Amino acid sequence: MASELGVDAATLVGHAPGLLVRRTSSSVVALAHAGEPKALREQALDVWDAFLEPGVVGVITEQIARRYGAEPETVETDVLPFVDELVGDGLLVVIERTASPVVDDDLG
């Protein structure tokens, strides 16, 4: 399932360069060059942090699903539109659209 901007489980995504980011103990406020500041807390912060290094969306959703004890399909249904939103806001960037969604059990 692909999102509005074409983000799917095989998409390699990372933080956009040149962001203004401020972190507290429980949140992040991020601002792209054009746009409004976005505050990320709780699960949104977990997704944000998962992409500190570029990652394949499917791998990230598998890791988050394991962390929360949730079904990967359920997590993917929630994460894909959020990643799409962050890409649209200029906070995340698509690096590659055809990456292989191989799960690395050592990363979770």
N, C-alpha and C. Protein backbone atom coordinates (compact mmCIF):
# COMPACT_ATOMS: atom_id res chain seq x y z
N MET A 1 0.84 -1.18 0.00
CA MET A 1 0.00 0.00 0.00
C MET A 1 0.89 1.25 0.00
N ALA A 2 0.73 2.11 -0.95
CA ALA A 2 1.50 3.35 -1.03
C ALA A 2 0.65 4.51 -0.53
N SER A 3 1.33 5.49 0.01
CA SER A 3 0.64 6.68 0.51
C SER A 3 0.46 7.69 -0.62
N GLU A 4 -0.07 8.85 -0.26
CA GLU A 4 -0.30 9.90 -1.26
C GLU A 4 0.95 10.28 -2.03
N LEU A 5 2.08 10.38 -1.34
CA LEU A 5 3.33 10.80 -1.98
C LEU A 5 4.15 9.62 -2.48
N GLY A 6 3.55 8.42 -2.47
CA GLY A 6 4.25 7.25 -2.99
C GLY A 6 5.12 6.54 -1.97
N VAL A 7 5.02 6.89 -0.71
CA VAL A 7 5.78 6.21 0.33
C VAL A 7 5.12 4.87 0.58
N ASP A 8 5.93 3.79 0.54
CA ASP A 8 5.42 2.47 0.88
C ASP A 8 6.45 1.75 1.72
N ALA A 9 6.21 0.49 2.02
CA ALA A 9 7.08 -0.27 2.92
C ALA A 9 8.50 -0.40 2.39
N ALA A 10 8.69 -0.28 1.08
CA ALA A 10 10.02 -0.44 0.49
C ALA A 10 10.75 0.88 0.29
N THR A 11 10.20 1.98 0.78
CA THR A 11 10.80 3.30 0.58
C THR A 11 11.86 3.58 1.64
N LEU A 12 13.02 4.02 1.20
CA LEU A 12 14.10 4.44 2.10
C LEU A 12 13.91 5.92 2.40
N VAL A 13 13.79 6.25 3.68
CA VAL A 13 13.47 7.61 4.12
C VAL A 13 14.47 8.04 5.18
N GLY A 14 14.74 9.33 5.24
CA GLY A 14 15.61 9.89 6.29
C GLY A 14 15.22 11.31 6.61
N HIS A 15 15.82 11.84 7.66
CA HIS A 15 15.57 13.24 8.03
C HIS A 15 16.07 14.14 6.91
N ALA A 16 15.32 15.19 6.66
CA ALA A 16 15.72 16.17 5.65
C ALA A 16 16.94 16.95 6.16
N PRO A 17 17.85 17.32 5.28
CA PRO A 17 19.00 18.12 5.71
C PRO A 17 18.57 19.54 6.05
N GLY A 18 19.30 20.15 6.96
CA GLY A 18 19.11 21.56 7.27
C GLY A 18 17.90 21.90 8.11
N LEU A 19 17.34 20.92 8.80
CA LEU A 19 16.19 21.19 9.65
C LEU A 19 16.60 21.92 10.92
N LEU A 20 15.70 22.72 11.43
CA LEU A 20 15.87 23.27 12.77
C LEU A 20 15.12 22.34 13.71
N VAL A 21 15.82 21.76 14.67
CA VAL A 21 15.22 20.78 15.57
C VAL A 21 15.59 21.12 17.00
N ARG A 22 14.58 21.12 17.86
CA ARG A 22 14.80 21.32 19.30
C ARG A 22 14.16 20.15 20.02
N ARG A 23 14.93 19.56 20.95
CA ARG A 23 14.47 18.37 21.66
C ARG A 23 14.37 18.67 23.15
N THR A 24 13.29 18.17 23.74
CA THR A 24 13.17 18.13 25.19
C THR A 24 13.19 16.66 25.60
N SER A 25 12.98 16.39 26.86
CA SER A 25 12.99 14.99 27.30
C SER A 25 11.82 14.20 26.74
N SER A 26 10.75 14.87 26.32
CA SER A 26 9.57 14.13 25.88
C SER A 26 9.03 14.56 24.51
N SER A 27 9.75 15.44 23.81
CA SER A 27 9.24 15.88 22.51
C SER A 27 10.34 16.45 21.64
N VAL A 28 9.98 16.64 20.38
CA VAL A 28 10.83 17.32 19.41
C VAL A 28 9.97 18.33 18.68
N VAL A 29 10.52 19.50 18.45
CA VAL A 29 9.89 20.46 17.56
C VAL A 29 10.82 20.61 16.38
N ALA A 30 10.29 20.36 15.18
CA ALA A 30 11.10 20.40 13.96
C ALA A 30 10.50 21.41 12.99
N LEU A 31 11.38 22.10 12.28
CA LEU A 31 10.95 23.11 11.33
C LEU A 31 11.76 22.94 10.05
N ALA A 32 11.06 22.74 8.94
CA ALA A 32 11.71 22.69 7.64
C ALA A 32 11.87 24.12 7.14
N HIS A 33 12.57 24.29 6.02
CA HIS A 33 12.82 25.63 5.48
C HIS A 33 11.53 26.37 5.19
N ALA A 34 10.55 25.68 4.66
CA ALA A 34 9.26 26.31 4.38
C ALA A 34 8.20 25.51 5.12
N GLY A 35 7.48 26.17 5.97
CA GLY A 35 6.43 25.45 6.67
C GLY A 35 6.32 25.86 8.12
N GLU A 36 5.40 25.20 8.78
CA GLU A 36 5.13 25.46 10.18
C GLU A 36 5.93 24.51 11.05
N PRO A 37 6.25 24.92 12.28
CA PRO A 37 6.91 24.00 13.21
C PRO A 37 5.97 22.83 13.51
N LYS A 38 6.55 21.66 13.71
CA LYS A 38 5.77 20.48 14.02
C LYS A 38 6.29 19.90 15.32
N ALA A 39 5.40 19.74 16.31
CA ALA A 39 5.76 19.13 17.59
C ALA A 39 5.45 17.65 17.53
N LEU A 40 6.42 16.84 17.91
CA LEU A 40 6.27 15.38 17.89
C LEU A 40 6.44 14.84 19.30
N ARG A 41 5.45 14.06 19.74
CA ARG A 41 5.47 13.47 21.08
C ARG A 41 5.05 12.01 20.99
N GLU A 42 5.33 11.27 22.03
CA GLU A 42 4.89 9.89 22.20
C GLU A 42 5.22 9.04 20.98
N GLN A 43 4.22 8.37 20.38
CA GLN A 43 4.49 7.48 19.24
C GLN A 43 5.04 8.24 18.04
N ALA A 44 4.60 9.46 17.84
CA ALA A 44 5.15 10.27 16.73
C ALA A 44 6.64 10.49 16.93
N LEU A 45 7.06 10.70 18.15
CA LEU A 45 8.48 10.88 18.46
C LEU A 45 9.24 9.58 18.22
N ASP A 46 8.62 8.44 18.54
CA ASP A 46 9.26 7.14 18.27
C ASP A 46 9.51 6.96 16.77
N VAL A 47 8.54 7.33 15.96
CA VAL A 47 8.70 7.21 14.50
C VAL A 47 9.80 8.17 14.04
N TRP A 48 9.78 9.39 14.50
CA TRP A 48 10.80 10.38 14.15
C TRP A 48 12.20 9.86 14.49
N ASP A 49 12.35 9.38 15.71
CA ASP A 49 13.66 8.88 16.15
C ASP A 49 14.11 7.66 15.36
N ALA A 50 13.16 6.85 14.90
CA ALA A 50 13.52 5.67 14.11
C ALA A 50 14.21 6.04 12.80
N PHE A 51 13.99 7.25 12.32
CA PHE A 51 14.60 7.71 11.08
C PHE A 51 15.78 8.65 11.31
N LEU A 52 16.38 8.63 12.51
CA LEU A 52 17.58 9.44 12.75
C LEU A 52 18.66 9.08 11.73
N GLU A 53 18.76 7.80 11.44
CA GLU A 53 19.57 7.31 10.33
C GLU A 53 18.56 6.87 9.26
N PRO A 54 18.86 7.06 7.99
CA PRO A 54 17.90 6.63 6.96
C PRO A 54 17.49 5.17 7.16
N GLY A 55 16.21 4.91 6.95
CA GLY A 55 15.69 3.56 7.13
C GLY A 55 14.59 3.25 6.15
N VAL A 56 14.41 1.96 5.90
CA VAL A 56 13.34 1.48 5.04
C VAL A 56 12.07 1.44 5.88
N VAL A 57 11.00 2.02 5.38
CA VAL A 57 9.76 2.16 6.14
C VAL A 57 9.28 0.81 6.68
N GLY A 58 9.33 -0.24 5.87
CA GLY A 58 8.89 -1.56 6.32
C GLY A 58 9.71 -2.10 7.48
N VAL A 59 11.00 -1.86 7.45
CA VAL A 59 11.88 -2.29 8.55
C VAL A 59 11.54 -1.51 9.81
N ILE A 60 11.36 -0.22 9.67
CA ILE A 60 11.02 0.63 10.82
C ILE A 60 9.69 0.20 11.42
N THR A 61 8.69 -0.07 10.58
CA THR A 61 7.40 -0.47 11.13
C THR A 61 7.49 -1.81 11.84
N GLU A 62 8.31 -2.73 11.33
CA GLU A 62 8.52 -4.02 12.02
C GLU A 62 9.15 -3.79 13.39
N GLN A 63 10.14 -2.93 13.47
CA GLN A 63 10.80 -2.64 14.74
C GLN A 63 9.84 -2.02 15.74
N ILE A 64 9.05 -1.07 15.27
CA ILE A 64 8.08 -0.41 16.14
C ILE A 64 7.02 -1.41 16.60
N ALA A 65 6.57 -2.26 15.70
CA ALA A 65 5.57 -3.28 16.06
C ALA A 65 6.11 -4.19 17.16
N ARG A 66 7.36 -4.63 17.03
CA ARG A 66 7.96 -5.47 18.08
C ARG A 66 8.04 -4.72 19.40
N ARG A 67 8.44 -3.46 19.35
CA ARG A 67 8.59 -2.65 20.56
C ARG A 67 7.26 -2.52 21.30
N TYR A 68 6.17 -2.35 20.55
CA TYR A 68 4.86 -2.14 21.16
C TYR A 68 4.04 -3.42 21.28
N GLY A 69 4.57 -4.54 20.78
CA GLY A 69 3.82 -5.78 20.82
C GLY A 69 2.58 -5.74 19.95
N ALA A 70 2.68 -5.06 18.81
CA ALA A 70 1.54 -4.87 17.91
C ALA A 70 1.76 -5.65 16.61
N GLU A 71 0.69 -5.81 15.86
CA GLU A 71 0.77 -6.44 14.55
C GLU A 71 1.46 -5.49 13.57
N PRO A 72 2.45 -5.98 12.81
CA PRO A 72 3.14 -5.11 11.85
C PRO A 72 2.21 -4.44 10.85
N GLU A 73 1.18 -5.14 10.41
CA GLU A 73 0.24 -4.54 9.45
C GLU A 73 -0.50 -3.35 10.06
N THR A 74 -0.85 -3.47 11.34
CA THR A 74 -1.54 -2.38 12.03
C THR A 74 -0.62 -1.17 12.15
N VAL A 75 0.62 -1.42 12.53
CA VAL A 75 1.59 -0.33 12.67
C VAL A 75 1.84 0.32 11.32
N GLU A 76 1.98 -0.49 10.28
CA GLU A 76 2.21 0.07 8.95
C GLU A 76 1.05 0.96 8.52
N THR A 77 -0.17 0.54 8.83
CA THR A 77 -1.36 1.33 8.48
C THR A 77 -1.32 2.70 9.15
N ASP A 78 -0.76 2.76 10.37
CA ASP A 78 -0.65 4.03 11.08
C ASP A 78 0.58 4.83 10.66
N VAL A 79 1.70 4.14 10.43
CA VAL A 79 2.97 4.82 10.18
C VAL A 79 3.05 5.39 8.76
N LEU A 80 2.57 4.66 7.76
CA LEU A 80 2.69 5.14 6.37
C LEU A 80 2.09 6.54 6.17
N PRO A 81 0.86 6.80 6.61
CA PRO A 81 0.34 8.16 6.40
C PRO A 81 1.11 9.21 7.18
N PHE A 82 1.64 8.84 8.35
CA PHE A 82 2.41 9.79 9.14
C PHE A 82 3.74 10.11 8.45
N VAL A 83 4.42 9.09 7.95
CA VAL A 83 5.67 9.32 7.21
C VAL A 83 5.38 10.16 5.98
N ASP A 84 4.29 9.86 5.30
CA ASP A 84 3.88 10.65 4.14
C ASP A 84 3.68 12.11 4.53
N GLU A 85 3.04 12.34 5.66
CA GLU A 85 2.82 13.71 6.16
C GLU A 85 4.15 14.40 6.44
N LEU A 86 5.09 13.69 7.08
CA LEU A 86 6.39 14.29 7.38
C LEU A 86 7.18 14.58 6.11
N VAL A 87 7.05 13.72 5.10
CA VAL A 87 7.68 13.99 3.80
C VAL A 87 7.04 15.23 3.17
N GLY A 88 5.73 15.30 3.21
CA GLY A 88 5.03 16.46 2.66
C GLY A 88 5.37 17.75 3.37
N ASP A 89 5.66 17.66 4.67
CA ASP A 89 6.04 18.84 5.46
C ASP A 89 7.52 19.21 5.27
N GLY A 90 8.27 18.37 4.54
CA GLY A 90 9.69 18.64 4.32
C GLY A 90 10.58 18.23 5.47
N LEU A 91 10.06 17.45 6.42
CA LEU A 91 10.86 17.02 7.57
C LEU A 91 11.60 15.71 7.32
N LEU A 92 10.99 14.84 6.52
CA LEU A 92 11.65 13.63 6.06
C LEU A 92 11.78 13.72 4.55
N VAL A 93 12.76 13.03 4.00
CA VAL A 93 12.94 12.99 2.55
C VAL A 93 13.00 11.54 2.08
N VAL A 94 12.46 11.31 0.89
CA VAL A 94 12.56 10.01 0.25
C VAL A 94 13.94 9.92 -0.38
N ILE A 95 14.68 8.90 0.00
CA ILE A 95 16.03 8.70 -0.53
C ILE A 95 15.99 7.72 -1.70
N GLU A 96 15.17 6.68 -1.55
CA GLU A 96 15.03 5.67 -2.59
C GLU A 96 13.65 5.04 -2.47
N ARG A 97 13.01 4.83 -3.60
CA ARG A 97 11.65 4.27 -3.58
C ARG A 97 11.59 2.77 -3.72
N THR A 98 12.67 2.10 -4.01
CA THR A 98 12.63 0.67 -4.27
C THR A 98 13.54 -0.12 -3.34
N ALA A 99 13.79 0.39 -2.17
CA ALA A 99 14.65 -0.32 -1.22
C ALA A 99 14.01 -1.63 -0.81
N SER A 100 14.80 -2.59 -0.44
CA SER A 100 14.29 -3.89 -0.01
C SER A 100 13.92 -3.84 1.46
N PRO A 101 12.67 -4.17 1.81
CA PRO A 101 12.24 -4.10 3.21
C PRO A 101 12.64 -5.34 4.01
N VAL A 102 13.94 -5.61 4.10
CA VAL A 102 14.45 -6.75 4.87
C VAL A 102 14.58 -6.30 6.32
N VAL A 103 14.03 -7.09 7.22
CA VAL A 103 14.07 -6.75 8.64
C VAL A 103 15.37 -7.26 9.22
N ASP A 104 16.07 -6.38 9.93
CA ASP A 104 17.30 -6.74 10.63
C ASP A 104 16.95 -6.86 12.10
N ASP A 105 16.90 -8.08 12.62
CA ASP A 105 16.50 -8.30 14.01
C ASP A 105 17.45 -7.66 15.01
N ASP A 106 18.67 -7.34 14.60
CA ASP A 106 19.63 -6.74 15.52
C ASP A 106 19.35 -5.25 15.76
N LEU A 107 18.53 -4.63 14.93
CA LEU A 107 18.28 -3.19 15.05
C LEU A 107 17.16 -2.86 16.02
N GLY A 108 16.27 -3.75 16.31
CA GLY A 108 15.10 -3.45 17.14
C GLY A 108 15.39 -3.55 18.55
